Amino acid sequence: MKIKFSKYHALGNDFIVIDRLNRKLSRREKSRLTRVICARHTGVGADGVLFLSASRRADRKIEIVNADGGWAEKSGNGLRIAGVYRATGRKKRFIFETATSIDEVILVKKIKGGHTVKAVIGRPEFQTRKIPVQTRQKYLINSPLDFGSVKLPVTCLAVGNPHAVLLVEDFDFNWPEIGAELENARPFPNGTNIEFVKVVNRHKVRVAEWERGAGATGSSGTGAAAAVCATVIMGLTERCCEVVFDSGSLLVNWDEASGLIELTGPVQKAMSGVFEFI
């Protein structure tokens, strides 16, 4: 089966976009296709696939599958990438349906190889039962959580998908190993994304990201949002904050009036092609 695809990245967080497949694929087939096409050495290579299809509620429906074949509820960078993929003519505003919400994407301006793009990705959820996290506590705000072999202070929240934020003083430790261990730890029945966050000042944080199903990624849109919302709740940063990854920066604004999170940053196209799916 020959599959047309396009590949984009948002500060190194790369996704393959597949729009209007020649034939309908089952959920299992989409998972297998994603594992094969995302393989770094034998496929195209990516952190995940965005499957676009028709929607009665939006411009397109987005199904997000991580590189390991697992399904994700939402991706902030994925939404922004879908906006650039759909950019034709003068239209600069798009509405996308994900597994958990309807989200708005706005093309702000053109840059070399792509666009600066804003996504409005909803409101954060801090109630542990809704994230979900298995704990007796209603909220976990920089609170100890028992991982079996160790207790760590974490802030847990959902930004359309689950996150656990850990404050750090530096990144001079094997954070990918810890991220891999915590991603599917017992308290997280659906797994979780892990953000290691250093507060630089009230308007800037640095983040190392471990994404559920993808591992250490160049950046994460919802991870950036989670980092800011968590540090705001802890009283450490302002609602408008620069989030710095090794690959570049995203701007997060958690609007006080509406409670909505705005995520802004670059998206660039890498390639287009045809993939032979056997």
C-alpha atoms as a PDB file:
ATOM      1  CA  MET A   1       0.000   0.000   0.000  1.00  0.00           C
ATOM      2  CA  LYS A   2       1.491   3.324  -1.106  1.00  0.00           C
ATOM      3  CA  ILE A   3       0.873   6.109   1.424  1.00  0.00           C
ATOM      4  CA  LYS A   4       1.456   9.774   0.749  1.00  0.00           C
ATOM      5  CA  PHE A   5       2.875  11.630   3.731  1.00  0.00           C
ATOM      6  CA  SER A   6       4.351  14.939   4.833  1.00  0.00           C
ATOM      7  CA  LYS A   7       6.755  15.416   7.712  1.00  0.00           C
ATOM      8  CA  TYR A   8       7.047  18.515   9.913  1.00  0.00           C
ATOM      9  CA  HIS A   9       8.827  19.395  13.108  1.00  0.00           C
ATOM     10  CA  ALA A  10       8.237  21.849  15.938  1.00  0.00           C
ATOM     11  CA  LEU A  11      11.623  22.494  17.581  1.00  0.00           C
ATOM     12  CA  GLY A  12      12.688  18.940  16.829  1.00  0.00           C
ATOM     13  CA  ASN A  13       9.427  17.303  17.912  1.00  0.00           C
ATOM     14  CA  ASP A  14       8.629  15.672  14.559  1.00  0.00           C
ATOM     15  CA  PHE A  15       5.369  14.270  13.230  1.00  0.00           C
ATOM     16  CA  ILE A  16       4.330  12.592  10.025  1.00  0.00           C
ATOM     17  CA  VAL A  17       1.003  13.798   8.620  1.00  0.00           C
ATOM     18  CA  ILE A  18      -1.152  11.298   6.731  1.00  0.00           C
ATOM     19  CA  ASP A  19      -4.334  12.748   5.239  1.00  0.00           C
ATOM     20  CA  ARG A  20      -7.178  10.858   3.562  1.00  0.00           C
ATOM     21  CA  LEU A  21      -5.852   7.302   3.349  1.00  0.00           C
ATOM     22  CA  ASN A  22      -6.588   5.321   0.175  1.00  0.00           C
ATOM     23  CA  ARG A  23      -8.453   2.764   2.250  1.00  0.00           C
ATOM     24  CA  LYS A  24      -9.749   2.647   5.790  1.00  0.00           C
ATOM     25  CA  LEU A  25      -7.312   1.222   8.298  1.00  0.00           C
ATOM     26  CA  SER A  26      -8.278  -0.355  11.600  1.00  0.00           C
ATOM     27  CA  ARG A  27      -6.919   0.991  14.873  1.00  0.00           C
ATOM     28  CA  ARG A  28      -4.485  -1.935  15.015  1.00  0.00           C
ATOM     29  CA  GLU A  29      -3.291  -1.287  11.445  1.00  0.00           C
ATOM     30  CA  LYS A  30      -2.718   2.406  12.208  1.00  0.00           C
ATOM     31  CA  SER A  31      -0.650   1.432  15.232  1.00  0.00           C
ATOM     32  CA  ARG A  32       1.460  -0.942  13.131  1.00  0.00           C
ATOM     33  CA  LEU A  33       1.862   1.603  10.335  1.00  0.00           C
ATOM     34  CA  THR A  34       3.014   4.184  12.877  1.00  0.00           C
ATOM     35  CA  ARG A  35       5.624   1.878  14.391  1.00  0.00           C
ATOM     36  CA  VAL A  36       6.995   1.063  10.939  1.00  0.00           C
ATOM     37  CA  ILE A  37       7.011   4.560   9.426  1.00  0.00           C
ATOM     38  CA  CYS A  38       8.371   6.217  12.602  1.00  0.00           C
ATOM     39  CA  ALA A  39      11.358   3.867  12.873  1.00  0.00           C
ATOM     40  CA  ARG A  40      14.472   6.065  12.740  1.00  0.00           C
ATOM     41  CA  HIS A  41      16.686   3.614  10.814  1.00  0.00           C
ATOM     42  CA  THR A  42      14.258   1.683   8.604  1.00  0.00           C
ATOM     43  CA  GLY A  43      11.363   4.100   8.135  1.00  0.00           C
ATOM     44  CA  VAL A  44      10.895   7.832   7.685  1.00  0.00           C
ATOM     45  CA  GLY A  45      11.536   8.515  11.378  1.00  0.00           C
ATOM     46  CA  ALA A  46       9.322  10.596  13.682  1.00  0.00           C
ATOM     47  CA  ASP A  47       7.940  10.924  17.203  1.00  0.00           C
ATOM     48  CA  GLY A  48       4.451  10.082  15.968  1.00  0.00           C
ATOM     49  CA  VAL A  49       1.844  10.207  13.213  1.00  0.00           C
ATOM     50  CA  LEU A  50      -1.099  12.568  12.792  1.00  0.00           C
ATOM     51  CA  PHE A  51      -3.915  10.806  10.931  1.00  0.00           C
ATOM     52  CA  LEU A  52      -6.233  13.462   9.483  1.00  0.00           C
ATOM     53  CA  SER A  53      -9.802  12.730   8.428  1.00  0.00           C
ATOM     54  CA  ALA A  54     -13.116  14.489   7.845  1.00  0.00           C
ATOM     55  CA  SER A  55     -14.979  15.946  10.822  1.00  0.00           C
ATOM     56  CA  ARG A  56     -18.496  17.282  11.230  1.00  0.00           C
ATOM     57  CA  ARG A  57     -17.338  19.509  14.088  1.00  0.00           C
ATOM     58  CA  ALA A  58     -14.096  20.943  12.708  1.00  0.00           C
ATOM     59  CA  ASP A  59     -11.869  21.418   9.657  1.00  0.00           C
ATOM     60  CA  ARG A  60     -10.272  18.056  10.331  1.00  0.00           C
ATOM     61  CA  LYS A  61     -10.229  15.312  12.928  1.00  0.00           C
ATOM     62  CA  ILE A  62      -6.758  14.379  14.203  1.00  0.00           C
ATOM     63  CA  GLU A  63      -5.889  10.926  15.510  1.00  0.00           C
ATOM     64  CA  ILE A  64      -2.492  10.986  17.212  1.00  0.00           C
ATOM     65  CA  VAL A  65      -0.390   7.840  17.445  1.00  0.00           C
ATOM     66  CA  ASN A  66       2.980   7.808  19.199  1.00  0.00           C
ATOM     67  CA  ALA A  67       6.071   6.182  17.710  1.00  0.00           C
ATOM     68  CA  ASP A  68       5.531   3.060  19.842  1.00  0.00           C
ATOM     69  CA  GLY A  69       2.061   2.564  18.355  1.00  0.00           C
ATOM     70  CA  GLY A  70       0.212   3.844  21.420  1.00  0.00           C
ATOM     71  CA  TRP A  71      -2.539   6.409  21.044  1.00  0.00           C
ATOM     72  CA  ALA A  72      -2.355   9.934  22.460  1.00  0.00           C
ATOM     73  CA  GLU A  73      -5.291  12.150  23.405  1.00  0.00           C
ATOM     74  CA  LYS A  74      -3.716  15.439  22.290  1.00  0.00           C
ATOM     75  CA  SER A  75      -0.502  17.050  21.090  1.00  0.00           C
ATOM     76  CA  GLY A  76       0.125  20.782  21.230  1.00  0.00           C
ATOM     77  CA  ASN A  77       2.886  20.599  18.634  1.00  0.00           C
ATOM     78  CA  GLY A  78       0.800  18.172  16.598  1.00  0.00           C
ATOM     79  CA  LEU A  79      -2.059  20.660  16.463  1.00  0.00           C
ATOM     80  CA  ARG A  80       0.267  23.410  15.317  1.00  0.00           C
ATOM     81  CA  ILE A  81       1.785  21.119  12.685  1.00  0.00           C
ATOM     82  CA  ALA A  82      -1.683  20.218  11.388  1.00  0.00           C
ATOM     83  CA  GLY A  83      -2.376  23.944  10.999  1.00  0.00           C
ATOM     84  CA  VAL A  84       0.688  24.434   8.792  1.00  0.00           C
ATOM     85  CA  TYR A  85      -0.170  21.329   6.783  1.00  0.00           C
ATOM     86  CA  ARG A  86      -3.653  22.699   6.105  1.00  0.00           C
ATOM     87  CA  ALA A  87      -2.387  26.184   5.227  1.00  0.00           C
ATOM     88  CA  THR A  88      -3.504  27.028   1.712  1.00  0.00           C
ATOM     89  CA  GLY A  89      -4.392  30.404   0.253  1.00  0.00           C
ATOM     90  CA  ARG A  90      -5.332  33.116   2.706  1.00  0.00           C
ATOM     91  CA  LYS A  91      -6.887  30.991   5.419  1.00  0.00           C
ATOM     92  CA  LYS A  92      -4.967  31.369   8.673  1.00  0.00           C
ATOM     93  CA  ARG A  93      -7.340  29.960  11.286  1.00  0.00           C
ATOM     94  CA  PHE A  94      -8.256  26.303  11.649  1.00  0.00           C
ATOM     95  CA  ILE A  95     -10.360  24.215  14.019  1.00  0.00           C
ATOM     96  CA  PHE A  96      -9.304  20.650  14.808  1.00  0.00           C
ATOM     97  CA  GLU A  97     -11.055  17.841  16.634  1.00  0.00           C
ATOM     98  CA  THR A  98      -8.915  15.643  18.878  1.00  0.00           C
ATOM     99  CA  ALA A  99      -9.850  12.803  21.199  1.00  0.00           C
ATOM    100  CA  THR A 100     -10.543  15.198  24.072  1.00  0.00           C
ATOM    101  CA  SER A 101     -11.508  18.584  22.630  1.00  0.00           C
ATOM    102  CA  ILE A 102     -12.022  21.016  19.796  1.00  0.00           C
ATOM    103  CA  ASP A 103      -9.001  23.310  19.441  1.00  0.00           C
ATOM    104  CA  GLU A 104      -8.178  26.452  17.503  1.00  0.00           C
ATOM    105  CA  VAL A 105      -4.940  26.949  15.558  1.00  0.00           C
ATOM    106  CA  ILE A 106      -3.821  30.309  14.145  1.00  0.00           C
ATOM    107  CA  LEU A 107      -0.974  30.955  11.702  1.00  0.00           C
ATOM    108  CA  VAL A 108       0.738  34.065  13.084  1.00  0.00           C
ATOM    109  CA  LYS A 109       3.409  34.745  10.455  1.00  0.00           C
ATOM    110  CA  LYS A 110       5.645  33.066   7.889  1.00  0.00           C
ATOM    111  CA  ILE A 111       9.208  32.125   8.794  1.00  0.00           C
ATOM    112  CA  LYS A 112      11.936  30.371   6.819  1.00  0.00           C
ATOM    113  CA  GLY A 113      10.615  26.941   5.908  1.00  0.00           C
ATOM    114  CA  GLY A 114       7.350  27.313   7.789  1.00  0.00           C
ATOM    115  CA  HIS A 115       5.292  29.457  10.146  1.00  0.00           C
ATOM    116  CA  THR A 116       5.021  30.756  13.660  1.00  0.00           C
ATOM    117  CA  VAL A 117       1.824  29.119  14.902  1.00  0.00           C
ATOM    118  CA  LYS A 118      -0.442  29.596  17.904  1.00  0.00           C
ATOM    119  CA  ALA A 119      -2.682  26.849  19.286  1.00  0.00           C
ATOM    120  CA  VAL A 120      -5.377  27.354  21.921  1.00  0.00           C
ATOM    121  CA  ILE A 121      -5.310  23.999  23.683  1.00  0.00           C
ATOM    122  CA  GLY A 122      -7.943  24.218  26.415  1.00  0.00           C
ATOM    123  CA  ARG A 123      -7.799  24.447  30.207  1.00  0.00           C
ATOM    124  CA  PRO A 124      -5.591  22.456  32.591  1.00  0.00           C
ATOM    125  CA  GLU A 125      -7.117  19.874  34.913  1.00  0.00           C
ATOM    126  CA  PHE A 126      -5.513  19.316  38.325  1.00  0.00           C
ATOM    127  CA  GLN A 127      -7.955  16.853  39.932  1.00  0.00           C
ATOM    128  CA  THR A 128      -6.086  13.581  40.192  1.00  0.00           C
ATOM    129  CA  ARG A 129      -9.079  11.371  39.394  1.00  0.00           C
ATOM    130  CA  LYS A 130      -9.561  13.198  36.084  1.00  0.00           C
ATOM    131  CA  ILE A 131      -5.906  13.094  34.980  1.00  0.00           C
ATOM    132  CA  PRO A 132      -5.899  10.193  36.075  1.00  0.00           C
ATOM    133  CA  VAL A 133      -3.492   9.438  38.948  1.00  0.00           C
ATOM    134  CA  GLN A 134      -4.045   6.654  41.458  1.00  0.00           C
ATOM    135  CA  THR A 135      -3.812   8.423  44.807  1.00  0.00           C
ATOM    136  CA  ARG A 136      -6.037   9.354  47.721  1.00  0.00           C
ATOM    137  CA  GLN A 137      -5.108  13.003  47.348  1.00  0.00           C
ATOM    138  CA  LYS A 138      -7.458  15.234  45.386  1.00  0.00           C
ATOM    139  CA  TYR A 139      -4.573  17.299  44.050  1.00  0.00           C
ATOM    140  CA  LEU A 140      -0.840  16.697  43.741  1.00  0.00           C
ATOM    141  CA  ILE A 141       0.927  20.062  43.768  1.00  0.00           C
ATOM    142  CA  ASN A 142       4.640  19.502  44.383  1.00  0.00           C
ATOM    143  CA  SER A 143       3.531  16.682  46.672  1.00  0.00           C
ATOM    144  CA  PRO A 144       5.271  13.358  47.385  1.00  0.00           C
ATOM    145  CA  LEU A 145       4.003  10.502  45.227  1.00  0.00           C
ATOM    146  CA  ASP A 146       4.876   6.899  46.013  1.00  0.00           C
ATOM    147  CA  PHE A 147       6.456   5.152  43.012  1.00  0.00           C
ATOM    148  CA  GLY A 148       7.165   1.982  44.951  1.00  0.00           C
ATOM    149  CA  SER A 149      10.929   2.193  45.236  1.00  0.00           C
ATOM    150  CA  VAL A 150      11.008   5.950  45.830  1.00  0.00           C
ATOM    151  CA  LYS A 151       8.812   8.920  46.706  1.00  0.00           C
ATOM    152  CA  LEU A 152       9.210  12.019  44.542  1.00  0.00           C
ATOM    153  CA  PRO A 153       7.549  15.459  44.795  1.00  0.00           C
ATOM    154  CA  VAL A 154       5.473  15.940  41.642  1.00  0.00           C
ATOM    155  CA  THR A 155       2.778  18.202  40.276  1.00  0.00           C
ATOM    156  CA  CYS A 156       0.251  16.230  38.243  1.00  0.00           C
ATOM    157  CA  LEU A 157      -2.172  17.687  35.737  1.00  0.00           C
ATOM    158  CA  ALA A 158      -3.843  17.030  32.421  1.00  0.00           C
ATOM    159  CA  VAL A 159      -3.593  19.311  29.407  1.00  0.00           C
ATOM    160  CA  GLY A 160      -5.784  17.115  27.245  1.00  0.00           C
ATOM    161  CA  ASN A 161      -3.266  14.380  28.134  1.00  0.00           C
ATOM    162  CA  PRO A 162      -1.564  13.409  31.434  1.00  0.00           C
ATOM    163  CA  HIS A 163       1.588  15.090  32.774  1.00  0.00           C
ATOM    164  CA  ALA A 164       3.824  14.867  35.819  1.00  0.00           C
ATOM    165  CA  VAL A 165       6.084  17.851  36.509  1.00  0.00           C
ATOM    166  CA  LEU A 166       9.233  17.514  38.612  1.00  0.00           C
ATOM    167  CA  LEU A 167      11.236  20.563  39.683  1.00  0.00           C
ATOM    168  CA  VAL A 168      15.026  20.299  39.275  1.00  0.00           C
ATOM    169  CA  GLU A 169      17.986  22.559  40.018  1.00  0.00           C
ATOM    170  CA  ASP A 170      19.907  21.429  36.916  1.00  0.00           C
ATOM    171  CA  PHE A 171      19.926  18.694  34.265  1.00  0.00           C
ATOM    172  CA  ASP A 172      23.222  17.116  35.242  1.00  0.00           C
ATOM    173  CA  PHE A 173      21.677  13.682  35.827  1.00  0.00           C
ATOM    174  CA  ASN A 174      20.262  10.855  33.760  1.00  0.00           C
ATOM    175  CA  TRP A 175      16.777  12.303  33.393  1.00  0.00           C
ATOM    176  CA  PRO A 176      15.862  10.097  30.369  1.00  0.00           C
ATOM    177  CA  GLU A 177      16.384   6.995  32.497  1.00  0.00           C
ATOM    178  CA  ILE A 178      14.147   8.411  35.224  1.00  0.00           C
ATOM    179  CA  GLY A 179      11.553   9.522  32.660  1.00  0.00           C
ATOM    180  CA  ALA A 180      11.443   6.043  31.156  1.00  0.00           C
ATOM    181  CA  GLU A 181      10.980   4.514  34.605  1.00  0.00           C
ATOM    182  CA  LEU A 182       8.194   6.897  35.654  1.00  0.00           C
ATOM    183  CA  GLU A 183       6.255   7.003  32.345  1.00  0.00           C
ATOM    184  CA  ASN A 184       4.307   3.816  33.081  1.00  0.00           C
ATOM    185  CA  ALA A 185       4.714   3.715  36.852  1.00  0.00           C
ATOM    186  CA  ARG A 186       1.920   2.271  38.994  1.00  0.00           C
ATOM    187  CA  PRO A 187       0.241   5.614  39.907  1.00  0.00           C
ATOM    188  CA  PHE A 188      -0.429   6.350  36.200  1.00  0.00           C
ATOM    189  CA  PRO A 189      -2.982   3.892  34.780  1.00  0.00           C
ATOM    190  CA  ASN A 190      -2.794   5.521  31.337  1.00  0.00           C
ATOM    191  CA  GLY A 191       0.899   6.347  31.528  1.00  0.00           C
ATOM    192  CA  THR A 192       2.093   9.943  31.687  1.00  0.00           C
ATOM    193  CA  ASN A 193       4.394  12.513  30.113  1.00  0.00           C
ATOM    194  CA  ILE A 194       7.243  13.658  32.345  1.00  0.00           C
ATOM    195  CA  GLU A 195       8.584  17.226  32.513  1.00  0.00           C
ATOM    196  CA  PHE A 196      11.823  18.026  34.351  1.00  0.00           C
ATOM    197  CA  VAL A 197      11.552  21.758  34.992  1.00  0.00           C
ATOM    198  CA  LYS A 198      14.096  24.335  36.139  1.00  0.00           C
ATOM    199  CA  VAL A 199      12.664  27.749  36.987  1.00  0.00           C
ATOM    200  CA  VAL A 200      15.025  30.418  35.609  1.00  0.00           C
ATOM    201  CA  ASN A 201      12.938  33.422  36.651  1.00  0.00           C
ATOM    202  CA  ARG A 202       9.265  34.396  36.788  1.00  0.00           C
ATOM    203  CA  HIS A 203       9.065  34.620  33.005  1.00  0.00           C
ATOM    204  CA  LYS A 204      11.268  31.714  31.923  1.00  0.00           C
ATOM    205  CA  VAL A 205      11.635  27.992  32.613  1.00  0.00           C
ATOM    206  CA  ARG A 206      13.883  25.320  31.113  1.00  0.00           C
ATOM    207  CA  VAL A 207      12.401  21.890  30.384  1.00  0.00           C
ATOM    208  CA  ALA A 208      13.714  18.433  29.562  1.00  0.00           C
ATOM    209  CA  GLU A 209      10.875  16.363  28.131  1.00  0.00           C
ATOM    210  CA  TRP A 210      10.150  12.647  28.313  1.00  0.00           C
ATOM    211  CA  GLU A 211       7.067  11.924  26.202  1.00  0.00           C
ATOM    212  CA  ARG A 212       4.835   8.950  26.763  1.00  0.00           C
ATOM    213  CA  GLY A 213       5.302   6.572  23.848  1.00  0.00           C
ATOM    214  CA  ALA A 214       8.038   8.637  22.178  1.00  0.00           C
ATOM    215  CA  GLY A 215      10.818   9.079  24.731  1.00  0.00           C
ATOM    216  CA  ALA A 216      13.132  12.091  24.905  1.00  0.00           C
ATOM    217  CA  THR A 217      11.847  14.568  22.339  1.00  0.00           C
ATOM    218  CA  GLY A 218      13.238  17.912  21.198  1.00  0.00           C
ATOM    219  CA  SER A 219      10.230  19.693  22.632  1.00  0.00           C
ATOM    220  CA  SER A 220       6.599  19.181  23.602  1.00  0.00           C
ATOM    221  CA  GLY A 221       3.699  21.601  23.251  1.00  0.00           C
ATOM    222  CA  THR A 222       1.515  20.152  25.967  1.00  0.00           C
ATOM    223  CA  GLY A 223       4.663  19.566  28.040  1.00  0.00           C
ATOM    224  CA  ALA A 224       5.507  23.261  27.811  1.00  0.00           C
ATOM    225  CA  ALA A 225       1.936  24.117  28.819  1.00  0.00           C
ATOM    226  CA  ALA A 226       2.054  21.688  31.748  1.00  0.00           C
ATOM    227  CA  ALA A 227       5.356  23.133  32.949  1.00  0.00           C
ATOM    228  CA  VAL A 228       3.971  26.675  33.013  1.00  0.00           C
ATOM    229  CA  CYS A 229       0.621  25.782  34.580  1.00  0.00           C
ATOM    230  CA  ALA A 230       2.380  23.753  37.276  1.00  0.00           C
ATOM    231  CA  THR A 231       4.860  26.496  38.159  1.00  0.00           C
ATOM    232  CA  VAL A 232       2.092  29.116  38.161  1.00  0.00           C
ATOM    233  CA  ILE A 233       0.064  27.032  40.625  1.00  0.00           C
ATOM    234  CA  MET A 234       3.185  26.751  42.793  1.00  0.00           C
ATOM    235  CA  GLY A 235       3.583  30.540  42.693  1.00  0.00           C
ATOM    236  CA  LEU A 236       6.944  30.383  40.922  1.00  0.00           C
ATOM    237  CA  THR A 237       6.187  31.975  37.533  1.00  0.00           C
ATOM    238  CA  GLU A 238       3.824  34.332  35.775  1.00  0.00           C
ATOM    239  CA  ARG A 239       1.078  33.102  33.471  1.00  0.00           C
ATOM    240  CA  CYS A 240       2.928  34.257  30.348  1.00  0.00           C
ATOM    241  CA  CYS A 241       6.219  32.408  30.236  1.00  0.00           C
ATOM    242  CA  GLU A 242       8.983  31.381  27.850  1.00  0.00           C
ATOM    243  CA  VAL A 243       9.667  27.645  27.885  1.00  0.00           C
ATOM    244  CA  VAL A 244      13.200  26.816  26.788  1.00  0.00           C
ATOM    245  CA  PHE A 245      14.160  23.417  25.377  1.00  0.00           C
ATOM    246  CA  ASP A 246      17.604  22.524  24.032  1.00  0.00           C
ATOM    247  CA  SER A 247      16.128  22.939  20.536  1.00  0.00           C
ATOM    248  CA  GLY A 248      14.534  26.374  21.085  1.00  0.00           C
ATOM    249  CA  SER A 249      11.704  28.169  22.855  1.00  0.00           C
ATOM    250  CA  LEU A 250       7.920  28.104  22.995  1.00  0.00           C
ATOM    251  CA  LEU A 251       5.757  30.821  24.485  1.00  0.00           C
ATOM    252  CA  VAL A 252       2.947  29.756  26.809  1.00  0.00           C
ATOM    253  CA  ASN A 253       0.204  32.073  28.026  1.00  0.00           C
ATOM    254  CA  TRP A 254      -2.307  30.707  30.535  1.00  0.00           C
ATOM    255  CA  ASP A 255      -4.997  33.353  30.181  1.00  0.00           C
ATOM    256  CA  GLU A 256      -6.366  34.398  33.556  1.00  0.00           C
ATOM    257  CA  ALA A 257      -9.788  35.509  32.279  1.00  0.00           C
ATOM    258  CA  SER A 258     -10.683  32.491  30.143  1.00  0.00           C
ATOM    259  CA  GLY A 259      -8.445  29.863  31.734  1.00  0.00           C
ATOM    260  CA  LEU A 260      -7.368  28.786  28.244  1.00  0.00           C
ATOM    261  CA  ILE A 261      -3.769  27.938  27.389  1.00  0.00           C
ATOM    262  CA  GLU A 262      -2.193  29.563  24.332  1.00  0.00           C
ATOM    263  CA  LEU A 263       0.895  27.928  22.875  1.00  0.00           C
ATOM    264  CA  THR A 264       3.015  29.751  20.272  1.00  0.00           C
ATOM    265  CA  GLY A 265       6.160  28.720  18.402  1.00  0.00           C
ATOM    266  CA  PRO A 266       7.717  27.674  15.090  1.00  0.00           C
ATOM    267  CA  VAL A 267       6.710  24.823  12.796  1.00  0.00           C
ATOM    268  CA  GLN A 268       8.785  23.861   9.759  1.00  0.00           C
ATOM    269  CA  LYS A 269       8.324  21.351   6.974  1.00  0.00           C
ATOM    270  CA  ALA A 270      10.942  18.631   6.585  1.00  0.00           C
ATOM    271  CA  MET A 271       9.769  16.606   3.594  1.00  0.00           C
ATOM    272  CA  SER A 272       6.980  14.948   1.619  1.00  0.00           C
ATOM    273  CA  GLY A 273       6.981  11.551   0.004  1.00  0.00           C
ATOM    274  CA  VAL A 274       5.388   8.169  -0.547  1.00  0.00           C
ATOM    275  CA  PHE A 275       5.854   5.305   1.909  1.00  0.00           C
ATOM    276  CA  GLU A 276       5.419   1.657   0.956  1.00  0.00           C
ATOM    277  CA  PHE A 277       3.436  -0.005   3.746  1.00  0.00           C
ATOM    278  CA  ILE A 278       3.646  -3.780   3.542  1.00  0.00           C
END
